[in-house]
Protein backbone atom coordinates (compact mmCIF):
# COMPACT_ATOMS: atom_id res chain seq x y z
CA MET A 1 -32.73 -14.56 35.68
CA ASN A 2 -35.15 -12.84 33.18
CA MET A 3 -35.16 -8.85 33.74
CA ASN A 4 -37.67 -6.54 32.16
CA GLU A 5 -36.61 -3.31 30.87
CA ARG A 6 -37.81 -1.37 34.11
CA GLN A 7 -35.13 -4.22 36.06
CA GLN A 8 -32.01 -3.59 33.85
CA GLN A 9 -32.48 -0.25 34.04
CA LEU A 10 -32.91 -0.03 37.77
CA LEU A 11 -29.77 -2.18 38.11
CA GLU A 12 -27.70 -0.18 35.96
CA LEU A 13 -28.55 2.56 38.60
CA LEU A 14 -27.59 0.41 41.67
CA GLU A 15 -24.12 -0.53 39.80
CA SER A 16 -23.18 3.71 39.31
CA SER A 17 -24.86 4.63 42.68
CA GLY A 18 -24.42 1.86 44.95
CA GLU A 19 -27.97 2.55 46.46
CA VAL A 20 -31.10 3.59 45.76
CA LYS A 21 -34.28 4.61 47.33
CA VAL A 22 -38.06 3.49 46.52
CA ALA A 23 -39.22 6.86 46.46
CA GLY A 24 -36.83 8.40 43.94
CA LEU A 25 -37.57 5.00 41.88
CA LYS A 26 -41.30 5.73 41.78
CA GLU A 27 -40.93 8.73 40.06
CA THR A 28 -38.11 7.90 37.85
CA PHE A 29 -40.17 5.08 36.41
CA GLY A 30 -43.34 6.27 36.46
CA VAL A 31 -44.58 3.24 38.74
CA THR A 32 -46.08 2.34 42.17
CA GLU A 33 -44.33 1.72 45.40
CA MET A 34 -45.22 -1.86 45.06
CA THR A 35 -44.02 -2.19 41.47
CA ILE A 36 -40.71 -1.19 42.77
CA ARG A 37 -40.46 -2.85 45.83
CA ARG A 38 -41.43 -6.59 43.81
CA ASP A 39 -38.46 -5.43 41.40
CA LEU A 40 -36.11 -4.90 44.44
CA GLU A 41 -37.23 -8.40 46.03
CA LYS A 42 -36.81 -10.44 42.72
CA LEU A 43 -33.07 -8.80 42.52
CA GLU A 44 -32.33 -9.50 46.06
CA LEU A 45 -33.45 -13.45 45.35
CA ALA A 46 -31.11 -13.33 42.31
CA GLY A 47 -28.07 -12.27 44.19
CA PHE A 48 -27.97 -8.57 43.10
CA VAL A 49 -28.94 -6.33 45.55
CA LYS A 50 -29.57 -5.94 49.28
CA ARG A 51 -32.73 -4.34 50.41
CA THR A 52 -32.73 -1.58 52.92
CA PHE A 53 -35.16 0.52 54.84
CA GLY A 54 -36.96 2.33 51.81
CA GLY A 55 -34.81 1.32 49.58
CA ALA A 56 -31.69 -1.20 48.61
CA ILE A 57 -27.78 -1.00 48.18
CA LEU A 58 -25.38 -3.09 45.72
CA ALA A 59 -25.11 -6.59 47.05
CA SER A 60 -21.59 -6.57 48.16
CA LYS A 61 -18.60 -9.15 46.70
CA ASP A 62 -17.39 -9.46 49.91
CA VAL A 63 -15.74 -12.53 51.09
CA ALA A 64 -16.29 -13.77 54.66
CA LEU A 65 -13.42 -13.00 57.37
CA GLN A 66 -12.48 -16.47 58.05
CA GLU A 67 -12.61 -17.62 54.69
CA ARG A 68 -9.97 -15.11 53.51
CA SER A 69 -7.93 -15.19 56.57
CA VAL A 70 -6.74 -18.60 55.56
CA VAL A 71 -5.68 -17.23 52.01
CA MET A 72 -1.74 -16.14 51.83
CA THR A 73 -0.87 -16.20 54.90
CA ASP A 74 2.47 -16.13 54.68
CA GLU A 75 2.69 -13.44 52.55
CA LYS A 76 0.17 -11.41 54.61
CA SER A 77 2.27 -12.18 57.71
CA ARG A 78 5.66 -10.40 55.91
CA ILE A 79 3.32 -7.52 55.18
CA GLY A 80 2.15 -6.84 58.33
CA ARG A 81 5.54 -7.27 59.78
CA ALA A 82 7.19 -4.92 57.44
CA ALA A 83 4.50 -2.33 58.12
CA ALA A 84 4.47 -2.40 61.98
CA ALA A 85 8.20 -1.74 61.50
CA LEU A 86 7.14 1.62 60.18
CA VAL A 87 5.14 2.41 63.61
CA GLN A 88 7.38 4.58 65.60
CA GLU A 89 7.07 5.64 69.75
CA ASN A 90 4.42 7.95 70.53
CA ASP A 91 2.94 7.82 67.27
CA SER A 92 -1.17 8.02 66.74
CA ILE A 93 -2.31 5.45 64.09
CA PHE A 94 -5.21 3.92 62.61
CA ILE A 95 -5.73 0.30 61.00
CA ASP A 96 -9.05 -0.61 59.43
CA GLY A 97 -10.35 -3.96 59.31
CA GLY A 98 -9.05 -6.78 56.77
CA THR A 99 -6.72 -10.22 56.89
CA THR A 100 -3.65 -8.22 55.88
CA THR A 101 -4.03 -5.23 58.57
CA LEU A 102 -4.67 -7.58 61.60
CA TYR A 103 -0.90 -8.99 61.04
CA ILE A 104 0.05 -5.56 61.43
CA ALA A 105 -1.57 -5.48 65.10
CA ARG A 106 0.21 -8.85 65.67
CA HIS A 107 3.56 -8.06 64.60
CA LEU A 108 3.75 -4.83 66.93
CA LYS A 109 5.67 -5.34 70.36
CA PRO A 110 3.53 -5.89 73.46
CA GLY A 111 3.59 -2.48 75.69
CA LYS A 112 4.86 -0.71 72.42
CA ASN A 113 4.15 3.33 73.60
CA ILE A 114 1.59 3.98 70.65
CA THR A 115 -2.32 4.92 70.41
CA VAL A 116 -3.95 2.62 68.10
CA VAL A 117 -7.32 3.64 66.69
CA THR A 118 -9.56 0.83 64.68
CA ASN A 119 -12.92 0.27 63.76
CA ALA A 120 -12.14 -3.52 63.42
CA LEU A 121 -13.07 -5.69 66.74
CA ASN A 122 -10.68 -8.96 66.11
CA ILE A 123 -8.14 -6.13 66.28
CA ALA A 124 -8.84 -4.15 69.15
CA LEU A 125 -8.94 -7.54 71.15
CA GLU A 126 -5.48 -8.44 69.44
CA LEU A 127 -3.99 -5.14 70.77
CA LEU A 128 -5.60 -5.44 74.07
CA GLU A 129 -3.88 -8.41 74.75
CA LYS A 130 -0.56 -6.43 73.78
CA GLY A 131 -1.22 -3.95 76.38
CA ILE A 132 -1.19 -1.56 73.87
CA THR A 133 -3.66 1.31 74.18
CA THR A 134 -6.34 1.10 71.58
CA VAL A 135 -9.40 3.09 71.00
CA VAL A 136 -12.13 1.65 69.23
CA THR A 137 -14.59 3.71 67.03
CA GLY A 138 -18.13 3.15 67.54
CA GLY A 139 -20.92 2.09 64.83
CA MET A 140 -22.94 -0.71 62.98
CA ALA A 141 -21.00 -4.29 63.06
CA LEU A 142 -20.55 -5.76 59.37
CA GLU A 143 -20.79 -9.75 60.51
CA THR A 144 -18.92 -10.03 57.23
CA THR A 145 -15.90 -8.57 58.22
CA SER A 146 -15.94 -7.65 62.08
CA THR A 147 -15.51 -3.68 61.38
CA LEU A 148 -17.81 -1.30 62.68
CA VAL A 149 -19.36 1.44 59.90
CA GLY A 150 -21.26 4.04 59.56
CA PRO A 151 -22.18 7.87 60.38
CA GLY A 152 -20.93 7.45 64.22
CA THR A 153 -17.76 5.83 62.84
CA VAL A 154 -16.89 8.48 60.12
CA GLU A 155 -18.16 10.64 63.08
CA ALA A 156 -15.42 9.62 65.45
CA ILE A 157 -12.40 9.85 63.03
CA ALA A 158 -13.16 13.07 61.83
CA LYS A 159 -12.56 14.13 65.38
CA MET A 160 -9.02 12.52 65.40
CA ALA A 161 -5.65 13.49 63.91
CA PHE A 162 -3.35 10.33 63.30
CA ASP A 163 0.61 10.17 62.63
CA ARG A 164 0.17 7.42 60.38
CA VAL A 165 -2.93 5.44 59.06
CA PHE A 166 -3.11 1.57 57.55
CA LEU A 167 -5.66 0.53 55.28
CA GLY A 168 -6.44 -2.62 53.31
CA ALA A 169 -7.90 -2.55 49.51
CA THR A 170 -9.58 -4.88 47.62
CA GLY A 171 -8.18 -3.62 44.35
CA ILE A 172 -5.52 -1.34 42.76
CA THR A 173 -5.50 0.55 39.81
CA ALA A 174 -3.88 3.10 37.83
CA LYS A 175 -7.24 4.77 36.95
CA HIS A 176 -9.37 4.02 39.32
CA GLY A 177 -6.72 4.05 42.13
CA PHE A 178 -7.72 2.07 45.43
CA SER A 179 -10.89 0.33 45.55
CA ASN A 180 -12.81 -1.77 47.91
CA SER A 181 -16.03 -3.77 47.47
CA ASN A 182 -17.83 -2.62 50.25
CA MET A 183 -19.43 1.16 50.11
CA TYR A 184 -19.39 1.85 54.28
CA GLU A 185 -15.89 0.50 54.59
CA ALA A 186 -14.70 2.73 51.40
CA GLU A 187 -16.42 5.71 53.39
CA ILE A 188 -14.12 5.13 56.54
CA LYS A 189 -11.24 4.38 54.71
CA ARG A 190 -11.53 7.89 52.57
CA MET A 191 -11.99 9.41 56.46
CA ALA A 192 -8.91 8.11 57.41
CA ILE A 193 -6.76 9.30 55.00
CA ARG A 194 -8.33 12.99 55.21
CA GLN A 195 -7.40 13.02 59.04
CA ALA A 196 -3.70 11.61 58.32
CA ALA A 197 0.23 12.78 57.86
CA GLU A 198 1.30 9.40 56.57
CA VAL A 199 -1.43 7.00 54.42
CA ASN A 200 -0.06 3.29 54.03
CA VAL A 201 -2.03 0.96 52.35
CA VAL A 202 -1.20 -3.04 52.65
CA VAL A 203 -2.18 -5.47 50.21
CA ASP A 204 -0.84 -8.71 48.63
CA ARG A 205 -0.09 -8.85 44.92
CA THR A 206 -3.36 -10.37 44.11
CA LYS A 207 -5.13 -6.99 44.32
CA PHE A 208 -2.59 -5.16 41.75
CA GLY A 209 -4.91 -4.69 38.70
CA ALA A 210 -8.30 -5.69 40.27
CA LYS A 211 -11.19 -3.08 40.64
CA GLU A 212 -13.91 -2.46 42.60
CA LEU A 213 -17.05 -0.53 42.38
CA PHE A 214 -15.97 1.71 45.39
CA SER A 215 -12.78 3.97 44.32
CA PHE A 216 -11.50 5.34 48.00
CA ALA A 217 -8.38 7.48 47.11
CA ALA A 218 -6.08 8.00 44.08
CA LEU A 219 -2.88 6.64 43.90
CA SER A 220 -1.15 9.95 44.40
CA GLU A 221 -3.57 9.90 47.86
CA ALA A 222 -0.93 7.10 49.23
CA HIS A 223 2.25 7.46 50.74
CA ARG A 224 3.26 3.72 50.38
CA ILE A 225 2.09 0.40 49.09
CA VAL A 226 3.28 -2.02 51.65
CA CYS A 227 3.06 -5.50 49.47
CA ASP A 228 4.83 -8.78 48.88
CA ARG A 229 5.68 -8.54 45.66
CA LEU A 230 6.07 -5.69 42.70
CA PRO A 231 3.28 -5.25 40.42
CA GLU A 232 3.28 -5.77 36.71
CA PRO A 233 5.55 -2.73 34.63
CA ASP A 234 2.23 -0.40 33.58
CA LEU A 235 1.13 -0.45 37.32
CA LEU A 236 4.63 0.35 38.91
CA LEU A 237 5.41 3.06 36.71
CA ALA A 238 1.62 4.83 37.16
CA CYS A 239 3.09 4.38 41.26
CA GLN A 240 6.39 6.12 40.47
CA GLU A 241 4.80 8.89 38.96
CA SER A 242 2.30 9.27 41.78
CA GLY A 243 4.88 9.70 44.17
CA VAL A 244 3.84 6.29 45.81
CA GLU A 245 6.87 4.43 47.26
CA LEU A 246 6.62 0.55 47.21
CA LEU A 247 7.71 -1.36 50.02
CA GLU A 248 8.12 -4.85 49.27
CA ALA A 249 8.39 -7.26 52.29
């Protein structure tokens, strides 16, 4: 795709902020609203952005849930079992969406005396079949991940207090901490961390050293990383220096 200078600058703005508004871009570049809309349409056709009402967001790198669900299933199952073993009787916990976090729900014992809050529709169904008390947050449904996101979800979580939270991540580095490719899901994770007494991040080894656009926590904000294999020495040392426990499943 051939981009003019304005379109290149527009894309750089999106990469730095994740979202732009047509009204602001019109003032920034001194062009008409129609020109900005044509720029955004061109960038959308090229796969760089997704247009929204009044603006655009950076196109997500999300891979559909059904595609991720068949990758590293044995490792994710081990991680899910180890994470589920951390849950105590009478706990109130939060489990966010993802293929690894789904295995936590699958390894919880049926009828366990806990309350689980989740923004993931598939996890809620799994828990209901086990007779576990389940609270589903409101919000806008994302087709690729079967999760509920948006202001309603954030507001609901902000009114709760969790003994433990279990979160997935798309990337983990020493510099950028835990990151995710979806800005809306990253927002949910930040709020869940804020409301938690204990923060657990569950990831397979492919997430170590990877970095996505939206960082949702520094390494020091997690109490524990549950993984199938320990990271490389540099990241392992950074985790230890940040006081993060590494639990190898």
